[in-house]
PDB file of N, CA and C in Angstrom:
ATOM      1  N   MET A   1      -7.273 -26.315 -29.358  1.00  0.00           N
ATOM      2  CA  MET A   1      -7.136 -25.415 -29.972  1.00  0.00           C
ATOM      3  C   MET A   1      -6.348 -26.095 -31.149  1.00  0.00           C
ATOM      4  N   ASN A   2      -5.906 -25.918 -32.303  1.00  0.00           N
ATOM      5  CA  ASN A   2      -4.951 -27.123 -33.140  1.00  0.00           C
ATOM      6  C   ASN A   2      -4.219 -25.535 -33.086  1.00  0.00           C
ATOM      7  N   SER A   3      -2.752 -26.274 -32.862  1.00  0.00           N
ATOM      8  CA  SER A   3      -1.440 -25.703 -32.852  1.00  0.00           C
ATOM      9  C   SER A   3      -1.275 -24.902 -33.980  1.00  0.00           C
ATOM     10  N   SER A   4      -1.672 -25.700 -35.555  1.00  0.00           N
ATOM     11  CA  SER A   4      -1.419 -25.144 -36.691  1.00  0.00           C
ATOM     12  C   SER A   4      -1.739 -23.544 -36.666  1.00  0.00           C
ATOM     13  N   VAL A   5      -2.843 -23.072 -36.026  1.00  0.00           N
ATOM     14  CA  VAL A   5      -3.178 -21.887 -35.953  1.00  0.00           C
ATOM     15  C   VAL A   5      -2.829 -20.899 -35.161  1.00  0.00           C
ATOM     16  N   LEU A   6      -1.932 -21.195 -34.346  1.00  0.00           N
ATOM     17  CA  LEU A   6      -1.471 -20.533 -33.191  1.00  0.00           C
ATOM     18  C   LEU A   6      -0.046 -19.374 -33.994  1.00  0.00           C
ATOM     19  N   CYS A   7      -0.469 -18.609 -33.295  1.00  0.00           N
ATOM     20  CA  CYS A   7       0.284 -17.167 -33.739  1.00  0.00           C
ATOM     21  C   CYS A   7       1.050 -16.570 -32.239  1.00  0.00           C
ATOM     22  N   ARG A   8       2.267 -15.632 -32.682  1.00  0.00           N
ATOM     23  CA  ARG A   8       2.748 -15.220 -31.954  1.00  0.00           C
ATOM     24  C   ARG A   8       1.707 -14.309 -30.590  1.00  0.00           C
ATOM     25  N   GLU A   9       0.806 -13.394 -31.030  1.00  0.00           N
ATOM     26  CA  GLU A   9      -0.061 -13.138 -30.350  1.00  0.00           C
ATOM     27  C   GLU A   9      -1.434 -13.849 -29.198  1.00  0.00           C
ATOM     28  N   MET A  10      -1.322 -14.715 -30.134  1.00  0.00           N
ATOM     29  CA  MET A  10      -2.297 -16.219 -29.248  1.00  0.00           C
ATOM     30  C   MET A  10      -1.333 -16.587 -28.167  1.00  0.00           C
ATOM     31  N   ILE A  11      -0.401 -16.586 -28.546  1.00  0.00           N
ATOM     32  CA  ILE A  11       0.708 -17.816 -27.745  1.00  0.00           C
ATOM     33  C   ILE A  11       0.976 -16.991 -26.460  1.00  0.00           C
ATOM     34  N   GLN A  12       1.904 -15.740 -26.439  1.00  0.00           N
ATOM     35  CA  GLN A  12       1.950 -15.063 -25.808  1.00  0.00           C
ATOM     36  C   GLN A  12       0.738 -13.678 -25.250  1.00  0.00           C
ATOM     37  N   HIS A  13      -0.517 -14.254 -25.125  1.00  0.00           N
ATOM     38  CA  HIS A  13      -1.292 -13.744 -24.734  1.00  0.00           C
ATOM     39  C   HIS A  13      -1.217 -12.523 -24.761  1.00  0.00           C
ATOM     40  N   ARG A  14      -1.140 -11.618 -25.577  1.00  0.00           N
ATOM     41  CA  ARG A  14      -0.757 -10.456 -26.721  1.00  0.00           C
ATOM     42  C   ARG A  14      -2.218  -9.908 -26.983  1.00  0.00           C
ATOM     43  N   PRO A  15      -2.954  -8.892 -26.914  1.00  0.00           N
ATOM     44  CA  PRO A  15      -3.884  -8.210 -27.347  1.00  0.00           C
ATOM     45  C   PRO A  15      -3.992  -8.609 -29.018  1.00  0.00           C
ATOM     46  N   TYR A  16      -4.650  -8.955 -29.891  1.00  0.00           N
ATOM     47  CA  TYR A  16      -4.784  -9.135 -30.416  1.00  0.00           C
ATOM     48  C   TYR A  16      -6.117  -8.750 -31.796  1.00  0.00           C
ATOM     49  N   THR A  17      -5.724  -8.943 -32.849  1.00  0.00           N
ATOM     50  CA  THR A  17      -7.210  -8.347 -34.036  1.00  0.00           C
ATOM     51  C   THR A  17      -6.986  -9.132 -35.137  1.00  0.00           C
ATOM     52  N   GLN A  18      -7.689  -8.409 -35.923  1.00  0.00           N
ATOM     53  CA  GLN A  18      -8.598  -9.464 -37.211  1.00  0.00           C
ATOM     54  C   GLN A  18      -6.857  -9.841 -37.937  1.00  0.00           C
ATOM     55  N   LYS A  19      -5.758  -9.956 -37.645  1.00  0.00           N
ATOM     56  CA  LYS A  19      -4.309 -10.043 -38.045  1.00  0.00           C
ATOM     57  C   LYS A  19      -4.157 -11.711 -37.591  1.00  0.00           C
ATOM     58  N   VAL A  20      -4.953 -11.696 -36.523  1.00  0.00           N
ATOM     59  CA  VAL A  20      -4.828 -13.445 -36.060  1.00  0.00           C
ATOM     60  C   VAL A  20      -5.775 -14.155 -36.700  1.00  0.00           C
ATOM     61  N   ASP A  21      -6.955 -13.459 -37.498  1.00  0.00           N
ATOM     62  CA  ASP A  21      -7.626 -14.737 -38.168  1.00  0.00           C
ATOM     63  C   ASP A  21      -6.792 -14.924 -39.760  1.00  0.00           C
ATOM     64  N   VAL A  22      -5.973 -13.815 -40.256  1.00  0.00           N
ATOM     65  CA  VAL A  22      -5.073 -13.689 -41.077  1.00  0.00           C
ATOM     66  C   VAL A  22      -3.934 -14.657 -40.856  1.00  0.00           C
ATOM     67  N   TYR A  23      -3.579 -15.130 -40.203  1.00  0.00           N
ATOM     68  CA  TYR A  23      -2.102 -15.950 -39.852  1.00  0.00           C
ATOM     69  C   TYR A  23      -3.320 -17.250 -40.128  1.00  0.00           C
ATOM     70  N   SER A  24      -4.229 -17.131 -39.327  1.00  0.00           N
ATOM     71  CA  SER A  24      -5.091 -18.594 -39.843  1.00  0.00           C
ATOM     72  C   SER A  24      -5.081 -18.874 -41.034  1.00  0.00           C
ATOM     73  N   PHE A  25      -6.061 -18.104 -41.900  1.00  0.00           N
ATOM     74  CA  PHE A  25      -5.945 -17.807 -42.897  1.00  0.00           C
ATOM     75  C   PHE A  25      -4.921 -18.206 -44.121  1.00  0.00           C
ATOM     76  N   GLY A  26      -3.873 -18.028 -43.595  1.00  0.00           N
ATOM     77  CA  GLY A  26      -2.689 -18.060 -44.372  1.00  0.00           C
ATOM     78  C   GLY A  26      -1.937 -20.100 -44.057  1.00  0.00           C
ATOM     79  N   ILE A  27      -2.271 -20.349 -42.893  1.00  0.00           N
ATOM     80  CA  ILE A  27      -2.368 -22.032 -42.415  1.00  0.00           C
ATOM     81  C   ILE A  27      -3.614 -22.939 -43.198  1.00  0.00           C
ATOM     82  N   VAL A  28      -4.445 -22.245 -43.191  1.00  0.00           N
ATOM     83  CA  VAL A  28      -5.515 -22.853 -44.315  1.00  0.00           C
ATOM     84  C   VAL A  28      -5.018 -22.850 -45.212  1.00  0.00           C
ATOM     85  N   LEU A  29      -4.921 -21.887 -46.183  1.00  0.00           N
ATOM     86  CA  LEU A  29      -4.677 -21.773 -47.426  1.00  0.00           C
ATOM     87  C   LEU A  29      -3.282 -22.930 -47.844  1.00  0.00           C
ATOM     88  N   TRP A  30      -2.233 -23.003 -46.787  1.00  0.00           N
ATOM     89  CA  TRP A  30      -1.255 -24.002 -46.823  1.00  0.00           C
ATOM     90  C   TRP A  30      -1.901 -25.190 -46.629  1.00  0.00           C
ATOM     91  N   GLU A  31      -2.614 -25.971 -45.912  1.00  0.00           N
ATOM     92  CA  GLU A  31      -3.459 -27.319 -45.935  1.00  0.00           C
ATOM     93  C   GLU A  31      -4.040 -27.497 -46.953  1.00  0.00           C
ATOM     94  N   LEU A  32      -4.740 -26.487 -47.746  1.00  0.00           N
ATOM     95  CA  LEU A  32      -5.630 -26.835 -49.037  1.00  0.00           C
ATOM     96  C   LEU A  32      -4.503 -27.108 -50.061  1.00  0.00           C
ATOM     97  N   ILE A  33      -3.834 -26.430 -50.396  1.00  0.00           N
ATOM     98  CA  ILE A  33      -2.416 -26.613 -51.562  1.00  0.00           C
ATOM     99  C   ILE A  33      -2.092 -27.739 -51.239  1.00  0.00           C
ATOM    100  N   THR A  34      -1.322 -28.128 -50.224  1.00  0.00           N
ATOM    101  CA  THR A  34      -0.487 -29.649 -49.559  1.00  0.00           C
ATOM    102  C   THR A  34      -1.445 -30.380 -49.462  1.00  0.00           C
ATOM    103  N   GLY A  35      -2.724 -30.598 -48.871  1.00  0.00           N
ATOM    104  CA  GLY A  35      -3.517 -31.401 -47.987  1.00  0.00           C
ATOM    105  C   GLY A  35      -3.024 -32.459 -47.292  1.00  0.00           C
ATOM    106  N   MET A  36      -2.109 -31.244 -46.726  1.00  0.00           N
ATOM    107  CA  MET A  36      -1.451 -32.213 -45.413  1.00  0.00           C
ATOM    108  C   MET A  36      -1.895 -31.434 -43.832  1.00  0.00           C
ATOM    109  N   LEU A  37      -1.607 -31.617 -42.763  1.00  0.00           N
ATOM    110  CA  LEU A  37      -1.605 -30.587 -41.832  1.00  0.00           C
ATOM    111  C   LEU A  37      -0.116 -30.007 -41.672  1.00  0.00           C
ATOM    112  N   PRO A  38      -0.207 -29.127 -40.986  1.00  0.00           N
ATOM    113  CA  PRO A  38       1.073 -28.517 -40.793  1.00  0.00           C
ATOM    114  C   PRO A  38       1.722 -29.019 -39.091  1.00  0.00           C
ATOM    115  N   PHE A  39       3.399 -29.421 -39.091  1.00  0.00           N
ATOM    116  CA  PHE A  39       3.977 -29.420 -37.799  1.00  0.00           C
ATOM    117  C   PHE A  39       3.315 -30.772 -37.419  1.00  0.00           C
ATOM    118  N   GLN A  40       3.116 -31.451 -38.375  1.00  0.00           N
ATOM    119  CA  GLN A  40       2.785 -33.245 -37.983  1.00  0.00           C
ATOM    120  C   GLN A  40       3.426 -33.619 -37.070  1.00  0.00           C
ATOM    121  N   ASN A  41       4.705 -33.837 -37.253  1.00  0.00           N
ATOM    122  CA  ASN A  41       6.023 -34.458 -36.575  1.00  0.00           C
ATOM    123  C   ASN A  41       6.334 -33.556 -34.812  1.00  0.00           C
ATOM    124  N   MET A  42       5.213 -32.864 -34.681  1.00  0.00           N
ATOM    125  CA  MET A  42       5.017 -32.092 -33.126  1.00  0.00           C
ATOM    126  C   MET A  42       4.281 -32.365 -32.655  1.00  0.00           C
ATOM    127  N   THR A  43       4.556 -31.638 -31.117  1.00  0.00           N
ATOM    128  CA  THR A  43       3.282 -31.461 -30.345  1.00  0.00           C
ATOM    129  C   THR A  43       2.824 -30.519 -30.205  1.00  0.00           C
ATOM    130  N   ALA A  44       1.551 -30.399 -29.699  1.00  0.00           N
ATOM    131  CA  ALA A  44       1.253 -28.713 -29.716  1.00  0.00           C
ATOM    132  C   ALA A  44       2.229 -27.714 -29.198  1.00  0.00           C
ATOM    133  N   VAL A  45       2.704 -28.564 -28.110  1.00  0.00           N
ATOM    134  CA  VAL A  45       3.897 -27.374 -27.290  1.00  0.00           C
ATOM    135  C   VAL A  45       4.959 -27.358 -28.076  1.00  0.00           C
ATOM    136  N   GLN A  46       5.848 -28.000 -28.722  1.00  0.00           N
ATOM    137  CA  GLN A  46       6.582 -28.010 -29.598  1.00  0.00           C
ATOM    138  C   GLN A  46       6.195 -27.232 -30.712  1.00  0.00           C
ATOM    139  N   ALA A  47       5.336 -27.162 -31.219  1.00  0.00           N
ATOM    140  CA  ALA A  47       4.861 -26.422 -32.512  1.00  0.00           C
ATOM    141  C   ALA A  47       5.074 -25.114 -31.915  1.00  0.00           C
ATOM    142  N   ALA A  48       4.248 -24.944 -30.935  1.00  0.00           N
ATOM    143  CA  ALA A  48       4.060 -23.234 -30.463  1.00  0.00           C
ATOM    144  C   ALA A  48       5.481 -22.570 -30.027  1.00  0.00           C
ATOM    145  N   PHE A  49       6.556 -23.744 -29.128  1.00  0.00           N
ATOM    146  CA  PHE A  49       7.577 -22.897 -29.117  1.00  0.00           C
ATOM    147  C   PHE A  49       8.198 -22.585 -30.825  1.00  0.00           C
ATOM    148  N   ALA A  50       8.502 -23.654 -31.532  1.00  0.00           N
ATOM    149  CA  ALA A  50       8.683 -23.289 -33.283  1.00  0.00           C
ATOM    150  C   ALA A  50       8.298 -22.128 -33.437  1.00  0.00           C
ATOM    151  N   VAL A  51       6.779 -21.952 -33.103  1.00  0.00           N
ATOM    152  CA  VAL A  51       6.448 -21.127 -34.425  1.00  0.00           C
ATOM    153  C   VAL A  51       7.150 -19.723 -33.428  1.00  0.00           C
ATOM    154  N   VAL A  52       6.666 -19.071 -32.187  1.00  0.00           N
ATOM    155  CA  VAL A  52       6.954 -17.802 -31.936  1.00  0.00           C
ATOM    156  C   VAL A  52       8.460 -18.184 -31.460  1.00  0.00           C
ATOM    157  N   ASN A  53       9.651 -18.935 -31.115  1.00  0.00           N
ATOM    158  CA  ASN A  53      10.858 -18.466 -30.731  1.00  0.00           C
ATOM    159  C   ASN A  53      11.734 -19.313 -31.756  1.00  0.00           C
ATOM    160  N   LYS A  54      11.355 -19.530 -33.053  1.00  0.00           N
ATOM    161  CA  LYS A  54      12.044 -20.185 -33.739  1.00  0.00           C
ATOM    162  C   LYS A  54      11.867 -19.539 -35.400  1.00  0.00           C
ATOM    163  N   GLY A  55      10.635 -18.458 -35.292  1.00  0.00           N
ATOM    164  CA  GLY A  55       9.880 -18.377 -36.448  1.00  0.00           C
ATOM    165  C   GLY A  55       9.741 -19.171 -37.623  1.00  0.00           C
ATOM    166  N   VAL A  56       9.387 -20.788 -36.822  1.00  0.00           N
ATOM    167  CA  VAL A  56       8.984 -21.404 -38.142  1.00  0.00           C
ATOM    168  C   VAL A  56       7.767 -21.528 -38.031  1.00  0.00           C
ATOM    169  N   ARG A  57       7.804 -22.138 -39.705  1.00  0.00           N
ATOM    170  CA  ARG A  57       6.483 -21.878 -40.239  1.00  0.00           C
ATOM    171  C   ARG A  57       6.340 -22.959 -41.536  1.00  0.00           C
ATOM    172  N   PRO A  58       5.253 -23.773 -41.760  1.00  0.00           N
ATOM    173  CA  PRO A  58       5.333 -24.922 -42.679  1.00  0.00           C
ATOM    174  C   PRO A  58       6.188 -24.564 -44.250  1.00  0.00           C
ATOM    175  N   ILE A  59       6.488 -25.448 -44.595  1.00  0.00           N
ATOM    176  CA  ILE A  59       7.558 -25.322 -46.184  1.00  0.00           C
ATOM    177  C   ILE A  59       6.421 -25.374 -46.851  1.00  0.00           C
ATOM    178  N   ILE A  60       6.257 -24.408 -47.647  1.00  0.00           N
ATOM    179  CA  ILE A  60       5.706 -24.380 -48.860  1.00  0.00           C
ATOM    180  C   ILE A  60       6.221 -24.937 -50.001  1.00  0.00           C
ATOM    181  N   PRO A  61       5.502 -25.628 -50.696  1.00  0.00           N
ATOM    182  CA  PRO A  61       6.110 -26.399 -52.060  1.00  0.00           C
ATOM    183  C   PRO A  61       6.844 -26.188 -52.765  1.00  0.00           C
ATOM    184  N   SER A  62       7.629 -26.657 -53.427  1.00  0.00           N
ATOM    185  CA  SER A  62       8.587 -25.629 -54.659  1.00  0.00           C
ATOM    186  C   SER A  62       7.474 -25.520 -56.019  1.00  0.00           C
ATOM    187  N   ASP A  63       6.455 -26.183 -56.246  1.00  0.00           N
ATOM    188  CA  ASP A  63       5.452 -25.909 -57.527  1.00  0.00           C
ATOM    189  C   ASP A  63       4.545 -25.093 -56.943  1.00  0.00           C
ATOM    190  N   CYS A  64       4.264 -24.264 -55.906  1.00  0.00           N
ATOM    191  CA  CYS A  64       3.465 -23.490 -55.732  1.00  0.00           C
ATOM    192  C   CYS A  64       3.722 -22.039 -56.059  1.00  0.00           C
ATOM    193  N   PRO A  65       2.656 -21.601 -56.837  1.00  0.00           N
ATOM    194  CA  PRO A  65       2.577 -20.781 -57.707  1.00  0.00           C
ATOM    195  C   PRO A  65       2.903 -19.450 -56.946  1.00  0.00           C
ATOM    196  N   PRO A  66       3.834 -18.360 -57.517  1.00  0.00           N
ATOM    197  CA  PRO A  66       4.665 -17.399 -56.697  1.00  0.00           C
ATOM    198  C   PRO A  66       3.395 -16.589 -56.126  1.00  0.00           C
ATOM    199  N   LEU A  67       1.966 -16.281 -56.650  1.00  0.00           N
ATOM    200  CA  LEU A  67       1.458 -15.523 -55.680  1.00  0.00           C
ATOM    201  C   LEU A  67       1.143 -16.123 -54.080  1.00  0.00           C
ATOM    202  N   LEU A  68       0.426 -17.400 -54.514  1.00  0.00           N
ATOM    203  CA  LEU A  68       0.130 -18.254 -53.519  1.00  0.00           C
ATOM    204  C   LEU A  68       1.356 -18.072 -52.202  1.00  0.00           C
ATOM    205  N   ASN A  69       2.489 -18.485 -52.977  1.00  0.00           N
ATOM    206  CA  ASN A  69       3.452 -18.605 -51.969  1.00  0.00           C
ATOM    207  C   ASN A  69       3.588 -17.314 -51.475  1.00  0.00           C
ATOM    208  N   GLU A  70       3.762 -16.070 -52.045  1.00  0.00           N
ATOM    209  CA  GLU A  70       3.725 -14.796 -51.598  1.00  0.00           C
ATOM    210  C   GLU A  70       2.459 -14.625 -50.635  1.00  0.00           C
ATOM    211  N   LEU A  71       1.559 -14.984 -50.448  1.00  0.00           N
ATOM    212  CA  LEU A  71       0.211 -14.129 -49.731  1.00  0.00           C
ATOM    213  C   LEU A  71       0.611 -15.596 -48.171  1.00  0.00           C
ATOM    214  N   MET A  72       0.621 -16.404 -48.406  1.00  0.00           N
ATOM    215  CA  MET A  72       1.216 -17.319 -47.862  1.00  0.00           C
ATOM    216  C   MET A  72       1.895 -16.811 -46.510  1.00  0.00           C
ATOM    217  N   THR A  73       3.463 -16.696 -47.125  1.00  0.00           N
ATOM    218  CA  THR A  73       3.920 -15.717 -46.479  1.00  0.00           C
ATOM    219  C   THR A  73       3.706 -14.295 -45.103  1.00  0.00           C
ATOM    220  N   ARG A  74       3.621 -13.591 -46.374  1.00  0.00           N
ATOM    221  CA  ARG A  74       2.747 -12.247 -45.894  1.00  0.00           C
ATOM    222  C   ARG A  74       1.664 -12.626 -44.422  1.00  0.00           C
ATOM    223  N   CYS A  75       1.101 -13.818 -44.872  1.00  0.00           N
ATOM    224  CA  CYS A  75      -0.022 -13.976 -43.949  1.00  0.00           C
ATOM    225  C   CYS A  75       0.586 -14.497 -42.440  1.00  0.00           C
ATOM    226  N   TRP A  76       1.746 -15.161 -42.686  1.00  0.00           N
ATOM    227  CA  TRP A  76       2.377 -15.455 -41.577  1.00  0.00           C
ATOM    228  C   TRP A  76       3.207 -14.917 -41.121  1.00  0.00           C
ATOM    229  N   ASP A  77       3.633 -13.109 -41.554  1.00  0.00           N
ATOM    230  CA  ASP A  77       4.850 -12.846 -41.119  1.00  0.00           C
ATOM    231  C   ASP A  77       4.830 -12.257 -39.397  1.00  0.00           C
ATOM    232  N   ALA A  78       5.659 -12.566 -38.666  1.00  0.00           N
ATOM    233  CA  ALA A  78       5.506 -12.261 -37.216  1.00  0.00           C
ATOM    234  C   ALA A  78       4.996 -11.295 -36.835  1.00  0.00           C
ATOM    235  N   ASN A  79       5.503 -10.092 -37.585  1.00  0.00           N
ATOM    236  CA  ASN A  79       4.641  -8.762 -36.951  1.00  0.00           C
ATOM    237  C   ASN A  79       3.340  -8.381 -37.739  1.00  0.00           C
ATOM    238  N   PRO A  80       2.361  -8.307 -36.764  1.00  0.00           N
ATOM    239  CA  PRO A  80       0.948  -8.372 -37.605  1.00  0.00           C
ATOM    240  C   PRO A  80       0.446  -7.429 -38.578  1.00  0.00           C
ATOM    241  N   GLU A  81       1.191  -6.241 -38.131  1.00  0.00           N
ATOM    242  CA  GLU A  81       1.220  -5.245 -39.022  1.00  0.00           C
ATOM    243  C   GLU A  81       1.381  -5.573 -40.452  1.00  0.00           C
ATOM    244  N   VAL A  82       2.129  -6.045 -40.715  1.00  0.00           N
ATOM    245  CA  VAL A  82       2.790  -6.806 -41.981  1.00  0.00           C
ATOM    246  C   VAL A  82       1.727  -7.655 -42.717  1.00  0.00           C
ATOM    247  N   ARG A  83       0.723  -8.457 -42.047  1.00  0.00           N
ATOM    248  CA  ARG A  83      -0.125  -9.212 -42.397  1.00  0.00           C
ATOM    249  C   ARG A  83      -1.101  -8.344 -43.373  1.00  0.00           C
ATOM    250  N   PRO A  84      -1.584  -8.647 -44.620  1.00  0.00           N
ATOM    251  CA  PRO A  84      -2.130  -7.912 -45.071  1.00  0.00           C
ATOM    252  C   PRO A  84      -3.988  -8.070 -44.966  1.00  0.00           C
ATOM    253  N   PRO A  85      -4.460  -6.857 -44.944  1.00  0.00           N
ATOM    254  CA  PRO A  85      -5.583  -7.378 -44.793  1.00  0.00           C
ATOM    255  C   PRO A  85      -6.536  -7.862 -45.510  1.00  0.00           C
ATOM    256  N   PHE A  86      -7.993  -8.881 -45.064  1.00  0.00           N
ATOM    257  CA  PHE A  86      -8.826  -9.740 -46.089  1.00  0.00           C
ATOM    258  C   PHE A  86      -9.122  -8.650 -47.370  1.00  0.00           C
ATOM    259  N   THR A  87      -9.100  -7.783 -46.904  1.00  0.00           N
ATOM    260  CA  THR A  87      -9.657  -6.665 -48.383  1.00  0.00           C
ATOM    261  C   THR A  87      -8.746  -7.162 -49.264  1.00  0.00           C
ATOM    262  N   GLU A  88      -7.497  -6.636 -49.196  1.00  0.00           N
ATOM    263  CA  GLU A  88      -6.257  -7.211 -49.807  1.00  0.00           C
ATOM    264  C   GLU A  88      -6.074  -8.529 -50.386  1.00  0.00           C
ATOM    265  N   ILE A  89      -6.423  -9.993 -49.508  1.00  0.00           N
ATOM    266  CA  ILE A  89      -6.270 -10.952 -49.804  1.00  0.00           C
ATOM    267  C   ILE A  89      -7.459 -11.345 -51.177  1.00  0.00           C
ATOM    268  N   VAL A  90      -8.208 -10.709 -50.654  1.00  0.00           N
ATOM    269  CA  VAL A  90      -9.652 -11.359 -51.694  1.00  0.00           C
ATOM    270  C   VAL A  90      -8.993 -10.374 -52.845  1.00  0.00           C
ATOM    271  N   ARG A  91      -8.860  -9.319 -52.753  1.00  0.00           N
ATOM    272  CA  ARG A  91      -7.944  -8.530 -54.175  1.00  0.00           C
ATOM    273  C   ARG A  91      -7.346  -9.397 -54.936  1.00  0.00           C
ATOM    274  N   MET A  92      -6.306  -9.892 -54.218  1.00  0.00           N
ATOM    275  CA  MET A  92      -5.094 -10.903 -54.886  1.00  0.00           C
ATOM    276  C   MET A  92      -5.576 -11.915 -55.298  1.00  0.00           C
ATOM    277  N   LEU A  93      -6.624 -12.380 -54.646  1.00  0.00           N
ATOM    278  CA  LEU A  93      -6.930 -13.973 -55.302  1.00  0.00           C
ATOM    279  C   LEU A  93      -7.869 -13.594 -56.262  1.00  0.00           C
ATOM    280  N   GLU A  94      -8.638 -12.744 -56.472  1.00  0.00           N
ATOM    281  CA  GLU A  94      -9.593 -12.564 -57.611  1.00  0.00           C
ATOM    282  C   GLU A  94      -8.642 -11.870 -58.286  1.00  0.00           C
ATOM    283  N   ASN A  95      -7.945 -11.144 -58.210  1.00  0.00           N
ATOM    284  CA  ASN A  95      -7.132 -10.671 -59.765  1.00  0.00           C
ATOM    285  C   ASN A  95      -6.203 -12.382 -60.412  1.00  0.00           C
ATOM    286  N   ALA A  96      -5.834 -13.216 -59.693  1.00  0.00           N
ATOM    287  CA  ALA A  96      -5.153 -14.225 -59.665  1.00  0.00           C
ATOM    288  C   ALA A  96      -5.875 -15.133 -60.285  1.00  0.00           C
ATOM    289  N   GLU A  97      -7.123 -15.351 -59.963  1.00  0.00           N
ATOM    290  CA  GLU A  97      -7.937 -16.544 -60.025  1.00  0.00           C
ATOM    291  C   GLU A  97      -7.402 -17.152 -61.231  1.00  0.00           C
ATOM    292  N   ALA A  98      -7.542 -16.915 -62.918  1.00  0.00           N
ATOM    293  CA  ALA A  98      -7.304 -17.264 -63.743  1.00  0.00           C
ATOM    294  C   ALA A  98      -6.139 -18.565 -63.093  1.00  0.00           C
ATOM    295  N   GLU A  99      -4.964 -17.935 -63.654  1.00  0.00           N
ATOM    296  CA  GLU A  99      -3.631 -18.435 -62.877  1.00  0.00           C
ATOM    297  C   GLU A  99      -3.593 -18.971 -61.802  1.00  0.00           C
ATOM    298  N   ILE A 100      -4.225 -19.110 -60.880  1.00  0.00           N
ATOM    299  CA  ILE A 100      -4.586 -20.116 -60.047  1.00  0.00           C
ATOM    300  C   ILE A 100      -5.239 -21.860 -59.964  1.00  0.00           C
ATOM    301  N   VAL A 101      -6.496 -21.712 -60.735  1.00  0.00           N
ATOM    302  CA  VAL A 101      -6.987 -22.447 -61.604  1.00  0.00           C
ATOM    303  C   VAL A 101      -6.068 -23.078 -62.436  1.00  0.00           C
ATOM    304  N   THR A 102      -5.299 -22.835 -63.200  1.00  0.00           N
ATOM    305  CA  THR A 102      -4.694 -23.313 -64.352  1.00  0.00           C
ATOM    306  C   THR A 102      -3.501 -23.864 -63.912  1.00  0.00           C
ATOM    307  N   THR A 103      -2.557 -23.404 -62.997  1.00  0.00           N
ATOM    308  CA  THR A 103      -2.150 -23.862 -62.458  1.00  0.00           C
ATOM    309  C   THR A 103      -1.488 -24.778 -61.623  1.00  0.00           C
ATOM    310  N   VAL A 104      -2.832 -24.529 -59.968  1.00  0.00           N
ATOM    311  CA  VAL A 104      -2.462 -25.846 -59.187  1.00  0.00           C
ATOM    312  C   VAL A 104      -2.908 -27.045 -59.893  1.00  0.00           C
ATOM    313  N   ARG A 105      -2.735 -27.947 -59.160  1.00  0.00           N
ATOM    314  CA  ARG A 105      -3.215 -29.297 -59.898  1.00  0.00           C
ATOM    315  C   ARG A 105      -4.242 -29.580 -59.014  1.00  0.00           C
ATOM    316  N   LYS A 106      -5.786 -29.468 -59.509  1.00  0.00           N
ATOM    317  CA  LYS A 106      -7.029 -29.702 -58.602  1.00  0.00           C
ATOM    318  C   LYS A 106      -6.866 -30.722 -57.638  1.00  0.00           C
ATOM    319  N   ALA A 107      -6.420 -31.823 -57.877  1.00  0.00           N
ATOM    320  CA  ALA A 107      -6.307 -32.886 -57.273  1.00  0.00           C
ATOM    321  C   ALA A 107      -5.316 -32.567 -55.774  1.00  0.00           C
ATOM    322  N   ARG A 108      -4.767 -31.463 -55.724  1.00  0.00           N
ATOM    323  CA  ARG A 108      -4.058 -31.332 -54.353  1.00  0.00           C
ATOM    324  C   ARG A 108      -4.517 -31.036 -53.325  1.00  0.00           C
ATOM    325  N   PHE A 109      -6.003 -30.328 -53.518  1.00  0.00           N
ATOM    326  CA  PHE A 109      -7.079 -29.488 -52.731  1.00  0.00           C
ATOM    327  C   PHE A 109      -7.781 -30.486 -52.379  1.00  0.00           C
ATOM    328  N   ARG A 110      -7.909 -30.522 -50.910  1.00  0.00           N
ATOM    329  CA  ARG A 110      -9.037 -31.353 -49.866  1.00  0.00           C
ATOM    330  C   ARG A 110     -10.198 -30.871 -50.440  1.00  0.00           C
ATOM    331  N   CYS A 111     -10.526 -29.489 -51.017  1.00  0.00           N
ATOM    332  CA  CYS A 111     -11.757 -29.497 -51.246  1.00  0.00           C
ATOM    333  C   CYS A 111     -12.224 -29.743 -52.836  1.00  0.00           C
ATOM    334  N   CYS A 112     -13.253 -29.739 -52.857  1.00  0.00           N
ATOM    335  CA  CYS A 112     -13.431 -30.340 -54.641  1.00  0.00           C
ATOM    336  C   CYS A 112     -13.626 -29.118 -55.418  1.00  0.00           C
ATOM    337  N   ILE A 113     -13.320 -28.808 -55.896  1.00  0.00           N
ATOM    338  CA  ILE A 113     -13.142 -27.009 -57.002  1.00  0.00           C
ATOM    339  C   ILE A 113     -14.486 -27.139 -58.442  1.00  0.00           C
ATOM    340  N   SER A 114     -13.995 -28.511 -58.609  1.00  0.00           N
ATOM    341  CA  SER A 114     -15.178 -28.926 -60.186  1.00  0.00           C
ATOM    342  C   SER A 114     -16.249 -29.635 -59.786  1.00  0.00           C
ATOM    343  N   HIS A 115     -16.222 -30.121 -58.177  1.00  0.00           N
ATOM    344  CA  HIS A 115     -17.074 -30.988 -57.901  1.00  0.00           C
ATOM    345  C   HIS A 115     -17.688 -31.019 -56.648  1.00  0.00           C
ATOM    346  N   PRO A 116     -18.564 -29.602 -56.199  1.00  0.00           N
ATOM    347  CA  PRO A 116     -18.880 -29.110 -55.186  1.00  0.00           C
ATOM    348  C   PRO A 116     -19.538 -30.720 -54.609  1.00  0.00           C
ATOM    349  N   MET A 117     -19.161 -30.585 -53.137  1.00  0.00           N
ATOM    350  CA  MET A 117     -19.899 -31.468 -52.278  1.00  0.00           C
ATOM    351  C   MET A 117     -21.536 -31.201 -51.988  1.00  0.00           C
ATOM    352  N   THR A 118     -21.898 -30.316 -52.330  1.00  0.00           N
ATOM    353  CA  THR A 118     -23.345 -29.923 -51.889  1.00  0.00           C
ATOM    354  C   THR A 118     -23.882 -29.753 -53.389  1.00  0.00           C
ATOM    355  N   ILE A 119     -25.191 -29.872 -53.385  1.00  0.00           N
ATOM    356  CA  ILE A 119     -26.180 -29.788 -54.137  1.00  0.00           C
ATOM    357  C   ILE A 119     -26.540 -28.491 -54.649  1.00  0.00           C
ATOM    358  N   ASP A 120     -26.752 -27.724 -53.405  1.00  0.00           N
ATOM    359  CA  ASP A 120     -27.098 -26.285 -53.833  1.00  0.00           C
ATOM    360  C   ASP A 120     -26.041 -25.644 -54.368  1.00  0.00           C
TER     361      ASP A 120
END
């Protein structure tokens, strides 16, 4: 398992819900925006310790649109109850689609927005 998607519930073997997936979504969103892997300078054990005991999260770029900054921050909240449900995440992204497409430099995304990699 990639240490980048570990959250408190998983590391501490607590019961967990879909909110673990919300945390993971926030990490994947960060990876798409930055084109990097989080916690690259740490081992899996170091990353797990930092996430759980020190509240460490990936650094959000200063030029990240405020909506995406807020979304990632909420997805990574230490309290699973504060993390938004996917229905809210989808609504937030739909409401901000135009802003996201015009303000995020497409070249920063690993996936291709304007040139899909599949034919269909």
